[in-house]
C-alpha atoms as a PDB file:
ATOM      1  CA  MET A   1      10.266   5.794  24.343  1.00  0.00           C
ATOM      2  CA  SER A   2       8.165   8.149  26.399  1.00  0.00           C
ATOM      3  CA  GLU A   3       5.599   6.779  28.808  1.00  0.00           C
ATOM      4  CA  ALA A   4       2.129   8.271  29.027  1.00  0.00           C
ATOM      5  CA  ASN A   5       2.259   8.701  32.800  1.00  0.00           C
ATOM      6  CA  ASN A   6       5.342  10.931  32.835  1.00  0.00           C
ATOM      7  CA  ALA A   7       5.252  12.358  29.313  1.00  0.00           C
ATOM      8  CA  ARG A   8       6.680  15.811  28.702  1.00  0.00           C
ATOM      9  CA  PRO A   9       5.462  17.650  25.595  1.00  0.00           C
ATOM     10  CA  MET A  10       8.230  18.296  23.062  1.00  0.00           C
ATOM     11  CA  LEU A  11       6.076  19.784  20.303  1.00  0.00           C
ATOM     12  CA  VAL A  12       2.574  21.173  20.609  1.00  0.00           C
ATOM     13  CA  LEU A  13       0.688  22.146  17.460  1.00  0.00           C
ATOM     14  CA  ASP A  14      -2.575  23.931  18.200  1.00  0.00           C
ATOM     15  CA  ASN A  15      -5.251  24.517  15.562  1.00  0.00           C
ATOM     16  CA  ILE A  16      -2.805  24.904  12.654  1.00  0.00           C
ATOM     17  CA  VAL A  17      -4.262  26.195   9.393  1.00  0.00           C
ATOM     18  CA  LYS A  18      -2.383  26.490   6.104  1.00  0.00           C
ATOM     19  CA  ILE A  19      -4.165  27.444   2.903  1.00  0.00           C
ATOM     20  CA  PHE A  20      -2.433  27.659  -0.453  1.00  0.00           C
ATOM     21  CA  ASN A  21      -3.727  30.051  -3.148  1.00  0.00           C
ATOM     22  CA  ALA A  22      -6.408  31.373  -0.802  1.00  0.00           C
ATOM     23  CA  GLY A  23      -9.330  33.073  -2.513  1.00  0.00           C
ATOM     24  CA  THR A  24      -8.563  31.631  -5.943  1.00  0.00           C
ATOM     25  CA  VAL A  25      -9.977  28.747  -7.963  1.00  0.00           C
ATOM     26  CA  ASN A  26      -6.838  26.820  -6.981  1.00  0.00           C
ATOM     27  CA  GLU A  27      -7.404  27.230  -3.239  1.00  0.00           C
ATOM     28  CA  LYS A  28      -6.157  24.227  -1.272  1.00  0.00           C
ATOM     29  CA  ILE A  29      -6.612  23.776   2.469  1.00  0.00           C
ATOM     30  CA  ALA A  30      -3.465  21.789   3.311  1.00  0.00           C
ATOM     31  CA  LEU A  31      -3.768  21.891   7.107  1.00  0.00           C
ATOM     32  CA  ASN A  32      -7.274  22.275   8.475  1.00  0.00           C
ATOM     33  CA  GLY A  33      -7.220  23.115  12.177  1.00  0.00           C
ATOM     34  CA  LEU A  34      -4.632  20.441  12.929  1.00  0.00           C
ATOM     35  CA  SER A  35      -3.780  19.900  16.592  1.00  0.00           C
ATOM     36  CA  LEU A  36      -1.129  17.441  17.769  1.00  0.00           C
ATOM     37  CA  THR A  37       1.002  16.982  20.885  1.00  0.00           C
ATOM     38  CA  ILE A  38       4.261  15.064  20.470  1.00  0.00           C
ATOM     39  CA  ASN A  39       5.899  13.940  23.706  1.00  0.00           C
ATOM     40  CA  ASP A  40       9.608  13.863  24.429  1.00  0.00           C
ATOM     41  CA  GLY A  41      10.973  10.541  23.186  1.00  0.00           C
ATOM     42  CA  ASP A  42       8.024   9.721  20.943  1.00  0.00           C
ATOM     43  CA  PHE A  43       8.805   8.000  17.647  1.00  0.00           C
ATOM     44  CA  ILE A  44       5.717   8.742  15.581  1.00  0.00           C
ATOM     45  CA  THR A  45       5.031   7.311  12.150  1.00  0.00           C
ATOM     46  CA  VAL A  46       2.760   9.379   9.914  1.00  0.00           C
ATOM     47  CA  ILE A  47       0.698   7.943   7.080  1.00  0.00           C
ATOM     48  CA  GLY A  48      -2.030   9.259   4.786  1.00  0.00           C
ATOM     49  CA  GLY A  49      -3.058   9.510   1.152  1.00  0.00           C
ATOM     50  CA  ASN A  50      -1.772  12.043  -1.367  1.00  0.00           C
ATOM     51  CA  GLY A  51      -2.768  15.548  -0.326  1.00  0.00           C
ATOM     52  CA  ALA A  52      -3.451  14.523   3.277  1.00  0.00           C
ATOM     53  CA  GLY A  53      -1.030  17.203   4.516  1.00  0.00           C
ATOM     54  CA  LYS A  54       1.900  15.058   5.659  1.00  0.00           C
ATOM     55  CA  SER A  55       4.766  17.006   4.072  1.00  0.00           C
ATOM     56  CA  THR A  56       2.941  20.283   4.674  1.00  0.00           C
ATOM     57  CA  LEU A  57       2.956  19.387   8.371  1.00  0.00           C
ATOM     58  CA  MET A  58       6.750  19.006   8.378  1.00  0.00           C
ATOM     59  CA  ASN A  59       7.243  22.185   6.373  1.00  0.00           C
ATOM     60  CA  ALA A  60       5.053  24.066   8.844  1.00  0.00           C
ATOM     61  CA  ILE A  61       7.069  22.737  11.791  1.00  0.00           C
ATOM     62  CA  THR A  62      10.414  23.683  10.220  1.00  0.00           C
ATOM     63  CA  GLY A  63       9.240  27.066   8.954  1.00  0.00           C
ATOM     64  CA  VAL A  64       9.602  26.395   5.231  1.00  0.00           C
ATOM     65  CA  PHE A  65       6.469  28.519   5.148  1.00  0.00           C
ATOM     66  CA  LYS A  66       4.458  30.280   7.832  1.00  0.00           C
ATOM     67  CA  VAL A  67       1.079  28.922   8.813  1.00  0.00           C
ATOM     68  CA  ASP A  68      -1.994  31.126   8.446  1.00  0.00           C
ATOM     69  CA  SER A  69      -3.111  30.598  12.032  1.00  0.00           C
ATOM     70  CA  GLY A  70      -2.437  28.446  15.069  1.00  0.00           C
ATOM     71  CA  SER A  71       0.571  28.025  17.337  1.00  0.00           C
ATOM     72  CA  ILE A  72       3.748  25.915  17.204  1.00  0.00           C
ATOM     73  CA  VAL A  73       5.480  25.410  20.565  1.00  0.00           C
ATOM     74  CA  LEU A  74       8.729  23.434  20.703  1.00  0.00           C
ATOM     75  CA  ASP A  75      10.025  22.387  24.122  1.00  0.00           C
ATOM     76  CA  GLY A  76       8.129  25.251  25.736  1.00  0.00           C
ATOM     77  CA  GLU A  77       9.222  27.899  23.216  1.00  0.00           C
ATOM     78  CA  ASP A  78       6.841  29.463  20.699  1.00  0.00           C
ATOM     79  CA  ILE A  79       8.691  29.113  17.390  1.00  0.00           C
ATOM     80  CA  GLY A  80       5.804  29.986  15.083  1.00  0.00           C
ATOM     81  CA  HIS A  81       7.190  33.450  14.409  1.00  0.00           C
ATOM     82  CA  LEU A  82      10.751  32.278  13.693  1.00  0.00           C
ATOM     83  CA  PRO A  83      12.011  32.034  10.085  1.00  0.00           C
ATOM     84  CA  GLU A  84      13.243  28.705   8.758  1.00  0.00           C
ATOM     85  CA  TYR A  85      16.962  29.420   9.265  1.00  0.00           C
ATOM     86  CA  LYS A  86      16.428  30.183  12.956  1.00  0.00           C
ATOM     87  CA  ARG A  87      14.469  26.964  13.489  1.00  0.00           C
ATOM     88  CA  ALA A  88      17.102  24.840  11.694  1.00  0.00           C
ATOM     89  CA  LYS A  89      19.237  24.363  14.826  1.00  0.00           C
ATOM     90  CA  TYR A  90      16.378  22.550  16.551  1.00  0.00           C
ATOM     91  CA  PHE A  91      15.715  19.947  13.862  1.00  0.00           C
ATOM     92  CA  GLY A  92      17.496  17.180  12.012  1.00  0.00           C
ATOM     93  CA  ARG A  93      15.763  16.381   8.725  1.00  0.00           C
ATOM     94  CA  VAL A  94      16.178  13.644   6.144  1.00  0.00           C
ATOM     95  CA  PHE A  95      14.361  13.940   2.835  1.00  0.00           C
ATOM     96  CA  GLN A  96      13.036  11.416   0.317  1.00  0.00           C
ATOM     97  CA  ASP A  97      15.699  12.348  -2.226  1.00  0.00           C
ATOM     98  CA  PRO A  98      19.083  10.863  -1.187  1.00  0.00           C
ATOM     99  CA  MET A  99      20.752  13.795  -2.981  1.00  0.00           C
ATOM    100  CA  MET A 100      19.331  16.285  -0.464  1.00  0.00           C
ATOM    101  CA  GLY A 101      20.792  16.971   2.960  1.00  0.00           C
ATOM    102  CA  THR A 102      24.437  16.491   1.949  1.00  0.00           C
ATOM    103  CA  ALA A 103      27.020  18.215  -0.238  1.00  0.00           C
ATOM    104  CA  ALA A 104      27.699  15.742  -3.057  1.00  0.00           C
ATOM    105  CA  GLY A 105      31.083  17.226  -3.988  1.00  0.00           C
ATOM    106  CA  MET A 106      32.456  17.078  -0.456  1.00  0.00           C
ATOM    107  CA  GLN A 107      33.956  14.129   1.414  1.00  0.00           C
ATOM    108  CA  ILE A 108      32.052  12.095   4.006  1.00  0.00           C
ATOM    109  CA  ASP A 109      34.161  13.497   6.856  1.00  0.00           C
ATOM    110  CA  GLU A 110      33.694  17.073   5.583  1.00  0.00           C
ATOM    111  CA  ASN A 111      29.914  16.616   5.431  1.00  0.00           C
ATOM    112  CA  MET A 112      29.908  15.253   8.969  1.00  0.00           C
ATOM    113  CA  ALA A 113      32.030  18.172  10.161  1.00  0.00           C
ATOM    114  CA  LEU A 114      29.530  20.620   8.671  1.00  0.00           C
ATOM    115  CA  ALA A 115      26.702  18.807  10.440  1.00  0.00           C
ATOM    116  CA  LEU A 116      28.569  18.926  13.747  1.00  0.00           C
ATOM    117  CA  ARG A 117      29.076  22.687  13.367  1.00  0.00           C
ATOM    118  CA  LYS A 118      25.456  23.336  12.440  1.00  0.00           C
ATOM    119  CA  GLY A 119      24.308  26.642  13.905  1.00  0.00           C
ATOM    120  CA  GLN A 120      27.843  27.725  14.854  1.00  0.00           C
ATOM    121  CA  PHE A 121      29.962  30.510  13.427  1.00  0.00           C
ATOM    122  CA  ARG A 122      32.514  28.671  11.334  1.00  0.00           C
ATOM    123  CA  GLY A 123      34.978  31.461  10.561  1.00  0.00           C
ATOM    124  CA  LEU A 124      37.996  30.402   8.559  1.00  0.00           C
ATOM    125  CA  LYS A 125      38.798  27.251  10.502  1.00  0.00           C
ATOM    126  CA  TRP A 126      36.310  24.463  10.012  1.00  0.00           C
ATOM    127  CA  GLY A 127      38.643  21.649   8.956  1.00  0.00           C
ATOM    128  CA  VAL A 128      38.311  18.146  10.356  1.00  0.00           C
ATOM    129  CA  SER A 129      40.536  17.366  13.331  1.00  0.00           C
ATOM    130  CA  ARG A 130      42.158  13.971  13.936  1.00  0.00           C
ATOM    131  CA  GLU A 131      39.962  13.407  16.984  1.00  0.00           C
ATOM    132  CA  GLU A 132      36.816  14.189  15.010  1.00  0.00           C
ATOM    133  CA  ARG A 133      37.894  11.856  12.219  1.00  0.00           C
ATOM    134  CA  GLU A 134      38.289   8.992  14.697  1.00  0.00           C
ATOM    135  CA  ASP A 135      34.855   9.742  16.130  1.00  0.00           C
ATOM    136  CA  TYR A 136      33.306   9.732  12.659  1.00  0.00           C
ATOM    137  CA  LYS A 137      34.983   6.413  11.856  1.00  0.00           C
ATOM    138  CA  ALA A 138      33.532   4.847  14.994  1.00  0.00           C
ATOM    139  CA  ARG A 139      30.050   6.165  14.241  1.00  0.00           C
ATOM    140  CA  LEU A 140      30.192   5.066  10.609  1.00  0.00           C
ATOM    141  CA  ALA A 141      31.410   1.593  11.615  1.00  0.00           C
ATOM    142  CA  GLU A 142      28.198   1.117  13.589  1.00  0.00           C
ATOM    143  CA  LEU A 143      26.190   1.484  10.374  1.00  0.00           C
ATOM    144  CA  GLY A 144      27.665  -1.769   9.105  1.00  0.00           C
ATOM    145  CA  LEU A 145      28.136  -0.429   5.578  1.00  0.00           C
ATOM    146  CA  GLY A 146      31.940  -0.254   5.438  1.00  0.00           C
ATOM    147  CA  LEU A 147      31.880   3.541   5.233  1.00  0.00           C
ATOM    148  CA  GLU A 148      34.397   3.931   8.085  1.00  0.00           C
ATOM    149  CA  ASP A 149      37.099   3.139   5.517  1.00  0.00           C
ATOM    150  CA  ARG A 150      35.791   5.691   3.035  1.00  0.00           C
ATOM    151  CA  LEU A 151      35.987   8.941   5.004  1.00  0.00           C
ATOM    152  CA  THR A 152      37.587  10.793   2.107  1.00  0.00           C
ATOM    153  CA  SER A 153      35.123   9.505  -0.515  1.00  0.00           C
ATOM    154  CA  LYS A 154      32.864  12.108  -2.113  1.00  0.00           C
ATOM    155  CA  VAL A 155      29.313  11.674  -0.832  1.00  0.00           C
ATOM    156  CA  GLY A 156      28.015  11.926  -4.385  1.00  0.00           C
ATOM    157  CA  LEU A 157      29.720   8.606  -5.172  1.00  0.00           C
ATOM    158  CA  LEU A 158      27.741   6.691  -2.537  1.00  0.00           C
ATOM    159  CA  SER A 159      24.667   4.589  -3.272  1.00  0.00           C
ATOM    160  CA  GLY A 160      21.261   5.966  -2.304  1.00  0.00           C
ATOM    161  CA  GLY A 161      21.084   3.763   0.789  1.00  0.00           C
ATOM    162  CA  GLN A 162      24.608   4.655   1.916  1.00  0.00           C
ATOM    163  CA  ARG A 163      23.839   8.317   1.442  1.00  0.00           C
ATOM    164  CA  GLN A 164      20.608   8.133   3.440  1.00  0.00           C
ATOM    165  CA  ALA A 165      22.462   6.311   6.229  1.00  0.00           C
ATOM    166  CA  VAL A 166      25.120   9.045   6.317  1.00  0.00           C
ATOM    167  CA  THR A 167      22.429  11.748   6.242  1.00  0.00           C
ATOM    168  CA  LEU A 168      20.662  10.076   9.180  1.00  0.00           C
ATOM    169  CA  LEU A 169      23.918  10.040  11.111  1.00  0.00           C
ATOM    170  CA  MET A 170      24.548  13.697  10.272  1.00  0.00           C
ATOM    171  CA  ALA A 171      21.005  14.695  11.283  1.00  0.00           C
ATOM    172  CA  SER A 172      21.477  13.143  14.731  1.00  0.00           C
ATOM    173  CA  LEU A 173      25.119  14.164  15.426  1.00  0.00           C
ATOM    174  CA  LYS A 174      24.120  17.119  17.599  1.00  0.00           C
ATOM    175  CA  ARG A 175      21.026  15.391  19.038  1.00  0.00           C
ATOM    176  CA  PRO A 176      18.336  17.721  17.696  1.00  0.00           C
ATOM    177  CA  LYS A 177      15.187  18.408  19.638  1.00  0.00           C
ATOM    178  CA  MET A 178      13.388  16.531  16.870  1.00  0.00           C
ATOM    179  CA  LEU A 179      14.351  14.266  13.979  1.00  0.00           C
ATOM    180  CA  LEU A 180      12.083  14.676  10.950  1.00  0.00           C
ATOM    181  CA  LEU A 181      12.106  11.897   8.351  1.00  0.00           C
ATOM    182  CA  ASP A 182      10.166  12.788   5.202  1.00  0.00           C
ATOM    183  CA  GLU A 183       9.627   9.469   3.354  1.00  0.00           C
ATOM    184  CA  HIS A 184      13.359   8.896   3.644  1.00  0.00           C
ATOM    185  CA  THR A 185      13.172   5.320   2.310  1.00  0.00           C
ATOM    186  CA  ALA A 186      10.705   5.929  -0.543  1.00  0.00           C
ATOM    187  CA  ALA A 187      13.383   6.184  -3.248  1.00  0.00           C
ATOM    188  CA  LEU A 188      15.197   3.008  -2.149  1.00  0.00           C
ATOM    189  CA  ASP A 189      14.719  -0.620  -3.154  1.00  0.00           C
ATOM    190  CA  PRO A 190      12.995  -2.803  -0.504  1.00  0.00           C
ATOM    191  CA  LYS A 191      16.189  -4.445   0.807  1.00  0.00           C
ATOM    192  CA  THR A 192      18.032  -1.124   1.123  1.00  0.00           C
ATOM    193  CA  ALA A 193      14.952   0.540   2.648  1.00  0.00           C
ATOM    194  CA  ALA A 194      14.804  -2.175   5.308  1.00  0.00           C
ATOM    195  CA  LYS A 195      18.488  -1.594   6.157  1.00  0.00           C
ATOM    196  CA  VAL A 196      17.973   2.178   6.422  1.00  0.00           C
ATOM    197  CA  LEU A 197      14.952   1.632   8.685  1.00  0.00           C
ATOM    198  CA  GLU A 198      17.040  -0.694  10.861  1.00  0.00           C
ATOM    199  CA  ILE A 199      19.664   2.055  11.164  1.00  0.00           C
ATOM    200  CA  THR A 200      16.881   4.558  11.860  1.00  0.00           C
ATOM    201  CA  ASP A 201      15.538   2.474  14.756  1.00  0.00           C
ATOM    202  CA  ARG A 202      19.021   2.176  16.255  1.00  0.00           C
ATOM    203  CA  ILE A 203      19.865   5.880  15.966  1.00  0.00           C
ATOM    204  CA  VAL A 204      16.495   6.952  17.378  1.00  0.00           C
ATOM    205  CA  GLY A 205      16.731   4.429  20.209  1.00  0.00           C
ATOM    206  CA  GLU A 206      20.312   5.172  21.207  1.00  0.00           C
ATOM    207  CA  ASN A 207      19.773   8.938  21.202  1.00  0.00           C
ATOM    208  CA  ASN A 208      16.197   8.802  22.533  1.00  0.00           C
ATOM    209  CA  VAL A 209      15.471  11.564  20.054  1.00  0.00           C
ATOM    210  CA  THR A 210      11.871  12.618  19.448  1.00  0.00           C
ATOM    211  CA  THR A 211      11.090  11.553  15.887  1.00  0.00           C
ATOM    212  CA  LEU A 212       8.398  12.143  13.286  1.00  0.00           C
ATOM    213  CA  MET A 213       8.613   9.770  10.297  1.00  0.00           C
ATOM    214  CA  ILE A 214       6.386  10.123   7.246  1.00  0.00           C
ATOM    215  CA  THR A 215       6.039   6.887   5.328  1.00  0.00           C
ATOM    216  CA  HIS A 216       3.922   5.672   2.405  1.00  0.00           C
ATOM    217  CA  ASN A 217       4.217   2.109   3.671  1.00  0.00           C
ATOM    218  CA  MET A 218       1.481   1.027   6.103  1.00  0.00           C
ATOM    219  CA  LYS A 219       3.446  -2.038   7.205  1.00  0.00           C
ATOM    220  CA  ASP A 220       6.472   0.119   8.094  1.00  0.00           C
ATOM    221  CA  ALA A 221       4.204   2.616   9.885  1.00  0.00           C
ATOM    222  CA  ILE A 222       2.908  -0.185  12.100  1.00  0.00           C
ATOM    223  CA  GLU A 223       6.247  -1.924  12.699  1.00  0.00           C
ATOM    224  CA  HIS A 224       8.321   1.139  13.604  1.00  0.00           C
ATOM    225  CA  GLY A 225       7.950   3.675  16.385  1.00  0.00           C
ATOM    226  CA  ASN A 226       5.745   3.735  19.475  1.00  0.00           C
ATOM    227  CA  ARG A 227       2.907   5.772  18.010  1.00  0.00           C
ATOM    228  CA  LEU A 228       1.107   6.025  14.648  1.00  0.00           C
ATOM    229  CA  ILE A 229      -0.986   8.876  13.320  1.00  0.00           C
ATOM    230  CA  MET A 230      -3.014   8.903  10.133  1.00  0.00           C
ATOM    231  CA  MET A 231      -3.843  12.148   8.349  1.00  0.00           C
ATOM    232  CA  HIS A 232      -6.763  12.973   6.076  1.00  0.00           C
ATOM    233  CA  GLU A 233      -7.668  16.323   4.527  1.00  0.00           C
ATOM    234  CA  GLY A 234      -5.229  18.242   6.710  1.00  0.00           C
ATOM    235  CA  ARG A 235      -6.163  16.717  10.047  1.00  0.00           C
ATOM    236  CA  VAL A 236      -5.128  13.836  12.279  1.00  0.00           C
ATOM    237  CA  ILE A 237      -7.987  11.337  12.241  1.00  0.00           C
ATOM    238  CA  ILE A 238      -6.260   8.326  13.826  1.00  0.00           C
ATOM    239  CA  ASP A 239      -3.785   8.352  16.723  1.00  0.00           C
ATOM    240  CA  VAL A 240      -2.795   4.976  18.143  1.00  0.00           C
ATOM    241  CA  SER A 241       0.089   3.970  20.413  1.00  0.00           C
ATOM    242  CA  GLY A 242       1.435   1.322  22.776  1.00  0.00           C
ATOM    243  CA  GLU A 243       0.022  -2.200  22.665  1.00  0.00           C
ATOM    244  CA  ALA A 244      -2.832  -1.134  20.389  1.00  0.00           C
ATOM    245  CA  LYS A 245      -0.301  -0.077  17.771  1.00  0.00           C
ATOM    246  CA  LYS A 246       1.861  -3.176  18.188  1.00  0.00           C
ATOM    247  CA  ASN A 247      -1.126  -5.429  17.532  1.00  0.00           C
ATOM    248  CA  LEU A 248      -2.441  -3.486  14.526  1.00  0.00           C
ATOM    249  CA  THR A 249      -2.761  -5.058  11.086  1.00  0.00           C
ATOM    250  CA  VAL A 250      -2.963  -3.209   7.765  1.00  0.00           C
ATOM    251  CA  GLU A 251      -6.557  -4.427   7.379  1.00  0.00           C
ATOM    252  CA  GLU A 252      -7.523  -3.031  10.796  1.00  0.00           C
ATOM    253  CA  LEU A 253      -5.838   0.283   9.994  1.00  0.00           C
ATOM    254  CA  LEU A 254      -7.780   0.530   6.730  1.00  0.00           C
ATOM    255  CA  SER A 255     -10.995  -0.229   8.613  1.00  0.00           C
ATOM    256  CA  MET A 256     -10.190   2.457  11.206  1.00  0.00           C
ATOM    257  CA  PHE A 257      -9.533   4.947   8.391  1.00  0.00           C
ATOM    258  CA  ALA A 258     -12.844   4.171   6.684  1.00  0.00           C
ATOM    259  CA  LYS A 259     -14.720   4.623   9.958  1.00  0.00           C
ATOM    260  CA  ALA A 260     -12.948   7.886  10.868  1.00  0.00           C
ATOM    261  CA  SER A 261     -13.061   9.483   7.401  1.00  0.00           C
ATOM    262  CA  GLY A 262     -16.332   8.114   6.075  1.00  0.00           C
ATOM    263  CA  GLY A 263     -14.590   6.835   2.943  1.00  0.00           C
ATOM    264  CA  GLU A 264     -12.145   4.272   1.607  1.00  0.00           C
ATOM    265  CA  PHE A 265      -8.388   4.775   1.665  1.00  0.00           C
ATOM    266  CA  THR A 266      -7.391   5.324  -1.958  1.00  0.00           C
ATOM    267  CA  SER A 267      -3.587   5.228  -1.976  1.00  0.00           C
ATOM    268  CA  ASP A 268      -2.629   2.030  -3.792  1.00  0.00           C
ATOM    269  CA  ARG A 269       1.025   2.896  -3.198  1.00  0.00           C
ATOM    270  CA  ALA A 270       0.555   2.734   0.560  1.00  0.00           C
ATOM    271  CA  MET A 271      -1.484  -0.463   0.525  1.00  0.00           C
ATOM    272  CA  LEU A 272       0.665  -2.362  -1.946  1.00  0.00           C
ATOM    273  CA  SER A 273       4.061  -1.477  -0.481  1.00  0.00           C
END
């Protein structure tokens, strides 16, 4: 994890604004002058109610859509003007839906090979070599899910938790500049979610990869990562790290939210998880 005294910015968002359906009765300000600096090695958990702007933030970073104003600088490079496909090489992303991020009809080893060749010209020869297969087996064995013996299984036949674990591994194979986790345990049962979060912690720690993890679970937001931010109406209203974060309770976080926003936190899903 990065230390405050020698932190190097990995991502700097400055005054980001994104408005949907501007000028209409359906106008929605999704990001409202949001500014955030993420340091190299940070593992940031992101929490907020529905409509707070959490997923919009990730989509703005990855270029799913262009922001209306503000700048996005990744590792010293302004990427705000780049289309999504040109930004893809910088990010590893895992979505809420276990069916996204992998090719269901392809084998585990084939999916991992595609991930390893991300951003490269594949030509006609992209098959999996013996050396690569051994590497994949070793990496899969570390997940503790028995998948090292199922390299030729179709990914679509895996359980949701197994698939998310494989997707996490794929997203970190080429050590991206940032790993973006968009509620990647939300569709899983509690026991499986806990296992996937355990794997997440290990992958992030071993690779020291800068990570942004959206979660609906306040307890998980407190227990994982070195820094927590809370969003409300398109802005970051709480940013806590280090010992202060480690000692946080859900009740204290709710109190901080009420003080910063002037209102009560209304997401039962987040509080009851």
